[in-house]
Amino acid sequence: MLFLFFYLYKYKLKKRYKTFLSLLHAKRKQREKISSGPLLFFIAATYMLENQNGYILPELISKRIYISIN
C-alpha cells in the first residue's frame, strides 16, 4: 500500500513538472512574439524621422538612449 502511495505521488510530481515546463515554454514563445513589435516600430519610426529631418539618430545617441533586447 505504501509503495502505491509513493508511486502515485511520484507520478503526480512528474505530471506537474511537465505542465510547468510546457507553461514556461508557452510564456517564452508569447514573450518573443510580443517583444519584436515595439522594437520594429522604433526602428521604422527612427528611419522615417531620419529621412525627414536628417538628425534624429545622432540626437538619440548623444542622449544615450539605448534599446534593451530581452
PDB file of N, CA and C in Angstrom:
ATOM      1  N   MET A   1       0.820  -1.196   0.000  1.00  0.00           N
ATOM      2  CA  MET A   1       0.000   0.000   0.000  1.00  0.00           C
ATOM      3  C   MET A   1       0.866   1.264   0.000  1.00  0.00           C
ATOM      4  N   LEU A   2       1.899   1.247   0.801  1.00  0.00           N
ATOM      5  CA  LEU A   2       2.797   2.390   0.858  1.00  0.00           C
ATOM      6  C   LEU A   2       3.517   2.590  -0.479  1.00  0.00           C
ATOM      7  N   PHE A   3       3.860   1.489  -1.132  1.00  0.00           N
ATOM      8  CA  PHE A   3       4.504   1.566  -2.442  1.00  0.00           C
ATOM      9  C   PHE A   3       3.587   2.256  -3.451  1.00  0.00           C
ATOM     10  N   LEU A   4       2.310   1.905  -3.431  1.00  0.00           N
ATOM     11  CA  LEU A   4       1.338   2.512  -4.341  1.00  0.00           C
ATOM     12  C   LEU A   4       1.217   4.011  -4.083  1.00  0.00           C
ATOM     13  N   PHE A   5       1.219   4.391  -2.820  1.00  0.00           N
ATOM     14  CA  PHE A   5       1.137   5.806  -2.470  1.00  0.00           C
ATOM     15  C   PHE A   5       2.323   6.582  -3.045  1.00  0.00           C
ATOM     16  N   PHE A   6       3.537   6.078  -2.848  1.00  0.00           N
ATOM     17  CA  PHE A   6       4.723   6.761  -3.361  1.00  0.00           C
ATOM     18  C   PHE A   6       4.767   6.769  -4.888  1.00  0.00           C
ATOM     19  N   TYR A   7       4.280   5.703  -5.496  1.00  0.00           N
ATOM     20  CA  TYR A   7       4.238   5.649  -6.957  1.00  0.00           C
ATOM     21  C   TYR A   7       3.304   6.724  -7.498  1.00  0.00           C
ATOM     22  N   LEU A   8       2.117   6.848  -6.916  1.00  0.00           N
ATOM     23  CA  LEU A   8       1.169   7.869  -7.369  1.00  0.00           C
ATOM     24  C   LEU A   8       1.691   9.276  -7.085  1.00  0.00           C
ATOM     25  N   TYR A   9       2.336   9.453  -5.941  1.00  0.00           N
ATOM     26  CA  TYR A   9       2.907  10.749  -5.602  1.00  0.00           C
ATOM     27  C   TYR A   9       3.981  11.151  -6.617  1.00  0.00           C
ATOM     28  N   LYS A  10       4.834  10.197  -6.970  1.00  0.00           N
ATOM     29  CA  LYS A  10       5.884  10.450  -7.956  1.00  0.00           C
ATOM     30  C   LYS A  10       5.273  10.751  -9.324  1.00  0.00           C
ATOM     31  N   TYR A  11       4.214  10.044  -9.685  1.00  0.00           N
ATOM     32  CA  TYR A  11       3.543  10.266 -10.964  1.00  0.00           C
ATOM     33  C   TYR A  11       2.951  11.674 -11.021  1.00  0.00           C
ATOM     34  N   LYS A  12       2.334  12.108  -9.922  1.00  0.00           N
ATOM     35  CA  LYS A  12       1.755  13.453  -9.896  1.00  0.00           C
ATOM     36  C   LYS A  12       2.837  14.520  -9.978  1.00  0.00           C
ATOM     37  N   LEU A  13       3.969  14.289  -9.314  1.00  0.00           N
ATOM     38  CA  LEU A  13       5.065  15.248  -9.397  1.00  0.00           C
ATOM     39  C   LEU A  13       5.600  15.360 -10.820  1.00  0.00           C
ATOM     40  N   LYS A  14       5.746  14.226 -11.498  1.00  0.00           N
ATOM     41  CA  LYS A  14       6.211  14.255 -12.891  1.00  0.00           C
ATOM     42  C   LYS A  14       5.235  15.019 -13.775  1.00  0.00           C
ATOM     43  N   LYS A  15       3.954  14.747 -13.573  1.00  0.00           N
ATOM     44  CA  LYS A  15       2.931  15.409 -14.378  1.00  0.00           C
ATOM     45  C   LYS A  15       2.940  16.919 -14.129  1.00  0.00           C
ATOM     46  N   ARG A  16       3.086  17.308 -12.867  1.00  0.00           N
ATOM     47  CA  ARG A  16       3.121  18.725 -12.525  1.00  0.00           C
ATOM     48  C   ARG A  16       4.358  19.392 -13.122  1.00  0.00           C
ATOM     49  N   TYR A  17       5.494  18.697 -13.097  1.00  0.00           N
ATOM     50  CA  TYR A  17       6.728  19.244 -13.647  1.00  0.00           C
ATOM     51  C   TYR A  17       6.619  19.428 -15.157  1.00  0.00           C
ATOM     52  N   LYS A  18       6.032  18.447 -15.849  1.00  0.00           N
ATOM     53  CA  LYS A  18       5.850  18.578 -17.295  1.00  0.00           C
ATOM     54  C   LYS A  18       4.921  19.732 -17.624  1.00  0.00           C
ATOM     55  N   THR A  19       3.867  19.912 -16.838  1.00  0.00           N
ATOM     56  CA  THR A  19       2.955  21.030 -17.055  1.00  0.00           C
ATOM     57  C   THR A  19       3.679  22.349 -16.843  1.00  0.00           C
ATOM     58  N   PHE A  20       4.501  22.411 -15.802  1.00  0.00           N
ATOM     59  CA  PHE A  20       5.263  23.622 -15.513  1.00  0.00           C
ATOM     60  C   PHE A  20       6.209  23.956 -16.661  1.00  0.00           C
ATOM     61  N   LEU A  21       6.896  22.947 -17.196  1.00  0.00           N
ATOM     62  CA  LEU A  21       7.814  23.184 -18.316  1.00  0.00           C
ATOM     63  C   LEU A  21       7.073  23.645 -19.555  1.00  0.00           C
ATOM     64  N   SER A  22       5.914  23.067 -19.820  1.00  0.00           N
ATOM     65  CA  SER A  22       5.160  23.481 -21.000  1.00  0.00           C
ATOM     66  C   SER A  22       4.644  24.907 -20.839  1.00  0.00           C
ATOM     67  N   LEU A  23       4.281  25.300 -19.611  1.00  0.00           N
ATOM     68  CA  LEU A  23       3.847  26.679 -19.384  1.00  0.00           C
ATOM     69  C   LEU A  23       5.002  27.654 -19.566  1.00  0.00           C
ATOM     70  N   LEU A  24       6.195  27.273 -19.102  1.00  0.00           N
ATOM     71  CA  LEU A  24       7.361  28.134 -19.316  1.00  0.00           C
ATOM     72  C   LEU A  24       7.648  28.315 -20.797  1.00  0.00           C
ATOM     73  N   HIS A  25       7.547  27.230 -21.556  1.00  0.00           N
ATOM     74  CA  HIS A  25       7.781  27.299 -22.994  1.00  0.00           C
ATOM     75  C   HIS A  25       6.744  28.198 -23.662  1.00  0.00           C
ATOM     76  N   ALA A  26       5.486  28.076 -23.265  1.00  0.00           N
ATOM     77  CA  ALA A  26       4.424  28.901 -23.847  1.00  0.00           C
ATOM     78  C   ALA A  26       4.633  30.373 -23.513  1.00  0.00           C
ATOM     79  N   LYS A  27       5.050  30.668 -22.283  1.00  0.00           N
ATOM     80  CA  LYS A  27       5.301  32.060 -21.912  1.00  0.00           C
ATOM     81  C   LYS A  27       6.462  32.638 -22.708  1.00  0.00           C
ATOM     82  N   ARG A  28       7.513  31.836 -22.918  1.00  0.00           N
ATOM     83  CA  ARG A  28       8.663  32.311 -23.679  1.00  0.00           C
ATOM     84  C   ARG A  28       8.269  32.613 -25.116  1.00  0.00           C
ATOM     85  N   LYS A  29       7.475  31.735 -25.725  1.00  0.00           N
ATOM     86  CA  LYS A  29       7.029  31.963 -27.095  1.00  0.00           C
ATOM     87  C   LYS A  29       6.174  33.219 -27.184  1.00  0.00           C
ATOM     88  N   GLN A  30       5.298  33.418 -26.201  1.00  0.00           N
ATOM     89  CA  GLN A  30       4.445  34.594 -26.203  1.00  0.00           C
ATOM     90  C   GLN A  30       5.282  35.858 -26.038  1.00  0.00           C
ATOM     91  N   ARG A  31       6.294  35.810 -25.184  1.00  0.00           N
ATOM     92  CA  ARG A  31       7.159  36.961 -24.972  1.00  0.00           C
ATOM     93  C   ARG A  31       7.932  37.295 -26.242  1.00  0.00           C
ATOM     94  N   GLU A  32       8.385  36.274 -26.989  1.00  0.00           N
ATOM     95  CA  GLU A  32       9.114  36.515 -28.233  1.00  0.00           C
ATOM     96  C   GLU A  32       8.215  37.202 -29.253  1.00  0.00           C
ATOM     97  N   LYS A  33       6.955  36.790 -29.319  1.00  0.00           N
ATOM     98  CA  LYS A  33       6.038  37.407 -30.270  1.00  0.00           C
ATOM     99  C   LYS A  33       5.754  38.854 -29.904  1.00  0.00           C
ATOM    100  N   ILE A  34       5.609  39.144 -28.624  1.00  0.00           N
ATOM    101  CA  ILE A  34       5.266  40.494 -28.192  1.00  0.00           C
ATOM    102  C   ILE A  34       6.465  41.428 -28.290  1.00  0.00           C
ATOM    103  N   SER A  35       7.642  40.974 -27.922  1.00  0.00           N
ATOM    104  CA  SER A  35       8.783  41.870 -27.798  1.00  0.00           C
ATOM    105  C   SER A  35       9.314  42.364 -29.142  1.00  0.00           C
ATOM    106  N   SER A  36       9.035  41.681 -30.228  1.00  0.00           N
ATOM    107  CA  SER A  36       9.572  42.136 -31.509  1.00  0.00           C
ATOM    108  C   SER A  36       8.777  43.303 -32.079  1.00  0.00           C
ATOM    109  N   GLY A  37       7.528  43.474 -31.696  1.00  0.00           N
ATOM    110  CA  GLY A  37       6.676  44.534 -32.230  1.00  0.00           C
ATOM    111  C   GLY A  37       7.170  45.934 -31.916  1.00  0.00           C
ATOM    112  N   PRO A  38       7.356  46.294 -30.639  1.00  0.00           N
ATOM    113  CA  PRO A  38       7.823  47.647 -30.315  1.00  0.00           C
ATOM    114  C   PRO A  38       9.207  47.950 -30.871  1.00  0.00           C
ATOM    115  N   LEU A  39      10.077  46.944 -30.917  1.00  0.00           N
ATOM    116  CA  LEU A  39      11.412  47.163 -31.459  1.00  0.00           C
ATOM    117  C   LEU A  39      11.341  47.502 -32.945  1.00  0.00           C
ATOM    118  N   LEU A  40      10.542  46.757 -33.697  1.00  0.00           N
ATOM    119  CA  LEU A  40      10.402  47.045 -35.123  1.00  0.00           C
ATOM    120  C   LEU A  40       9.762  48.408 -35.350  1.00  0.00           C
ATOM    121  N   PHE A  41       8.791  48.775 -34.512  1.00  0.00           N
ATOM    122  CA  PHE A  41       8.165  50.094 -34.635  1.00  0.00           C
ATOM    123  C   PHE A  41       9.188  51.192 -34.379  1.00  0.00           C
ATOM    124  N   PHE A  42      10.037  51.022 -33.360  1.00  0.00           N
ATOM    125  CA  PHE A  42      11.043  52.031 -33.044  1.00  0.00           C
ATOM    126  C   PHE A  42      12.030  52.191 -34.189  1.00  0.00           C
ATOM    127  N   ILE A  43      12.454  51.080 -34.777  1.00  0.00           N
ATOM    128  CA  ILE A  43      13.393  51.145 -35.900  1.00  0.00           C
ATOM    129  C   ILE A  43      12.753  51.845 -37.093  1.00  0.00           C
ATOM    130  N   ALA A  44      11.508  51.483 -37.406  1.00  0.00           N
ATOM    131  CA  ALA A  44      10.824  52.108 -38.542  1.00  0.00           C
ATOM    132  C   ALA A  44      10.608  53.592 -38.298  1.00  0.00           C
ATOM    133  N   ALA A  45      10.203  53.969 -37.091  1.00  0.00           N
ATOM    134  CA  ALA A  45       9.979  55.386 -36.781  1.00  0.00           C
ATOM    135  C   ALA A  45      11.285  56.166 -36.829  1.00  0.00           C
ATOM    136  N   THR A  46      12.372  55.567 -36.372  1.00  0.00           N
ATOM    137  CA  THR A  46      13.670  56.246 -36.399  1.00  0.00           C
ATOM    138  C   THR A  46      14.116  56.518 -37.825  1.00  0.00           C
ATOM    139  N   TYR A  47      14.006  55.516 -38.682  1.00  0.00           N
ATOM    140  CA  TYR A  47      14.410  55.726 -40.074  1.00  0.00           C
ATOM    141  C   TYR A  47      13.500  56.711 -40.783  1.00  0.00           C
ATOM    142  N   MET A  48      12.213  56.688 -40.458  1.00  0.00           N
ATOM    143  CA  MET A  48      11.291  57.627 -41.087  1.00  0.00           C
ATOM    144  C   MET A  48      11.642  59.058 -40.678  1.00  0.00           C
ATOM    145  N   LEU A  49      11.879  59.283 -39.385  1.00  0.00           N
ATOM    146  CA  LEU A  49      12.235  60.622 -38.924  1.00  0.00           C
ATOM    147  C   LEU A  49      13.616  61.034 -39.426  1.00  0.00           C
ATOM    148  N   GLU A  50      14.524  60.076 -39.535  1.00  0.00           N
ATOM    149  CA  GLU A  50      15.861  60.395 -40.033  1.00  0.00           C
ATOM    150  C   GLU A  50      15.788  60.847 -41.493  1.00  0.00           C
ATOM    151  N   ASN A  51      14.933  60.202 -42.265  1.00  0.00           N
ATOM    152  CA  ASN A  51      14.794  60.598 -43.664  1.00  0.00           C
ATOM    153  C   ASN A  51      14.121  61.956 -43.797  1.00  0.00           C
ATOM    154  N   GLN A  52      13.233  62.293 -42.877  1.00  0.00           N
ATOM    155  CA  GLN A  52      12.571  63.596 -42.943  1.00  0.00           C
ATOM    156  C   GLN A  52      13.489  64.715 -42.462  1.00  0.00           C
ATOM    157  N   ASN A  53      14.145  64.494 -41.318  1.00  0.00           N
ATOM    158  CA  ASN A  53      14.915  65.570 -40.692  1.00  0.00           C
ATOM    159  C   ASN A  53      16.418  65.445 -40.894  1.00  0.00           C
ATOM    160  N   GLY A  54      16.922  64.241 -40.870  1.00  0.00           N
ATOM    161  CA  GLY A  54      18.341  64.037 -41.064  1.00  0.00           C
ATOM    162  C   GLY A  54      19.184  64.146 -39.815  1.00  0.00           C
ATOM    163  N   TYR A  55      18.571  64.326 -38.663  1.00  0.00           N
ATOM    164  CA  TYR A  55      19.383  64.497 -37.458  1.00  0.00           C
ATOM    165  C   TYR A  55      18.863  63.719 -36.251  1.00  0.00           C
ATOM    166  N   ILE A  56      17.837  62.936 -36.386  1.00  0.00           N
ATOM    167  CA  ILE A  56      17.226  62.297 -35.220  1.00  0.00           C
ATOM    168  C   ILE A  56      18.135  61.228 -34.609  1.00  0.00           C
ATOM    169  N   LEU A  57      18.854  60.457 -35.415  1.00  0.00           N
ATOM    170  CA  LEU A  57      19.677  59.377 -34.872  1.00  0.00           C
ATOM    171  C   LEU A  57      20.865  59.889 -34.060  1.00  0.00           C
ATOM    172  N   PRO A  58      21.651  60.865 -34.540  1.00  0.00           N
ATOM    173  CA  PRO A  58      22.735  61.384 -33.686  1.00  0.00           C
ATOM    174  C   PRO A  58      22.211  62.017 -32.399  1.00  0.00           C
ATOM    175  N   GLU A  59      21.015  62.587 -32.454  1.00  0.00           N
ATOM    176  CA  GLU A  59      20.433  63.193 -31.260  1.00  0.00           C
ATOM    177  C   GLU A  59      20.106  62.121 -30.216  1.00  0.00           C
ATOM    178  N   LEU A  60      19.598  60.983 -30.665  1.00  0.00           N
ATOM    179  CA  LEU A  60      19.301  59.890 -29.741  1.00  0.00           C
ATOM    180  C   LEU A  60      20.578  59.319 -29.141  1.00  0.00           C
ATOM    181  N   ILE A  61      21.631  59.221 -29.952  1.00  0.00           N
ATOM    182  CA  ILE A  61      22.893  58.678 -29.454  1.00  0.00           C
ATOM    183  C   ILE A  61      23.520  59.634 -28.443  1.00  0.00           C
ATOM    184  N   SER A  62      23.420  60.933 -28.693  1.00  0.00           N
ATOM    185  CA  SER A  62      24.003  61.891 -27.757  1.00  0.00           C
ATOM    186  C   SER A  62      23.267  61.902 -26.422  1.00  0.00           C
ATOM    187  N   LYS A  63      21.980  61.565 -26.427  1.00  0.00           N
ATOM    188  CA  LYS A  63      21.225  61.491 -25.173  1.00  0.00           C
ATOM    189  C   LYS A  63      21.402  60.144 -24.487  1.00  0.00           C
ATOM    190  N   ARG A  64      22.129  59.234 -25.098  1.00  0.00           N
ATOM    191  CA  ARG A  64      22.409  57.898 -24.557  1.00  0.00           C
ATOM    192  C   ARG A  64      21.131  57.109 -24.295  1.00  0.00           C
ATOM    193  N   ILE A  65      20.268  57.080 -25.285  1.00  0.00           N
ATOM    194  CA  ILE A  65      19.066  56.261 -25.199  1.00  0.00           C
ATOM    195  C   ILE A  65      19.391  54.928 -25.839  1.00  0.00           C
ATOM    196  N   TYR A  66      19.302  53.868 -25.060  1.00  0.00           N
ATOM    197  CA  TYR A  66      19.638  52.537 -25.540  1.00  0.00           C
ATOM    198  C   TYR A  66      18.397  51.670 -25.561  1.00  0.00           C
ATOM    199  N   ILE A  67      18.407  50.717 -26.470  1.00  0.00           N
ATOM    200  CA  ILE A  67      17.324  49.748 -26.573  1.00  0.00           C
ATOM    201  C   ILE A  67      17.825  48.448 -25.971  1.00  0.00           C
ATOM    202  N   SER A  68      17.076  47.916 -25.013  1.00  0.00           N
ATOM    203  CA  SER A  68      17.459  46.625 -24.441  1.00  0.00           C
ATOM    204  C   SER A  68      16.640  45.534 -25.093  1.00  0.00           C
ATOM    205  N   ILE A  69      17.313  44.523 -25.610  1.00  0.00           N
ATOM    206  CA  ILE A  69      16.645  43.388 -26.245  1.00  0.00           C
ATOM    207  C   ILE A  69      16.717  42.223 -25.280  1.00  0.00           C
ATOM    208  N   ASN A  70      15.538  41.761 -24.852  1.00  0.00           N
ATOM    209  CA  ASN A  70      15.488  40.659 -23.874  1.00  0.00           C
ATOM    210  C   ASN A  70      15.417  39.347 -24.572  1.00  0.00           C
TER     211      ASN A  70
END
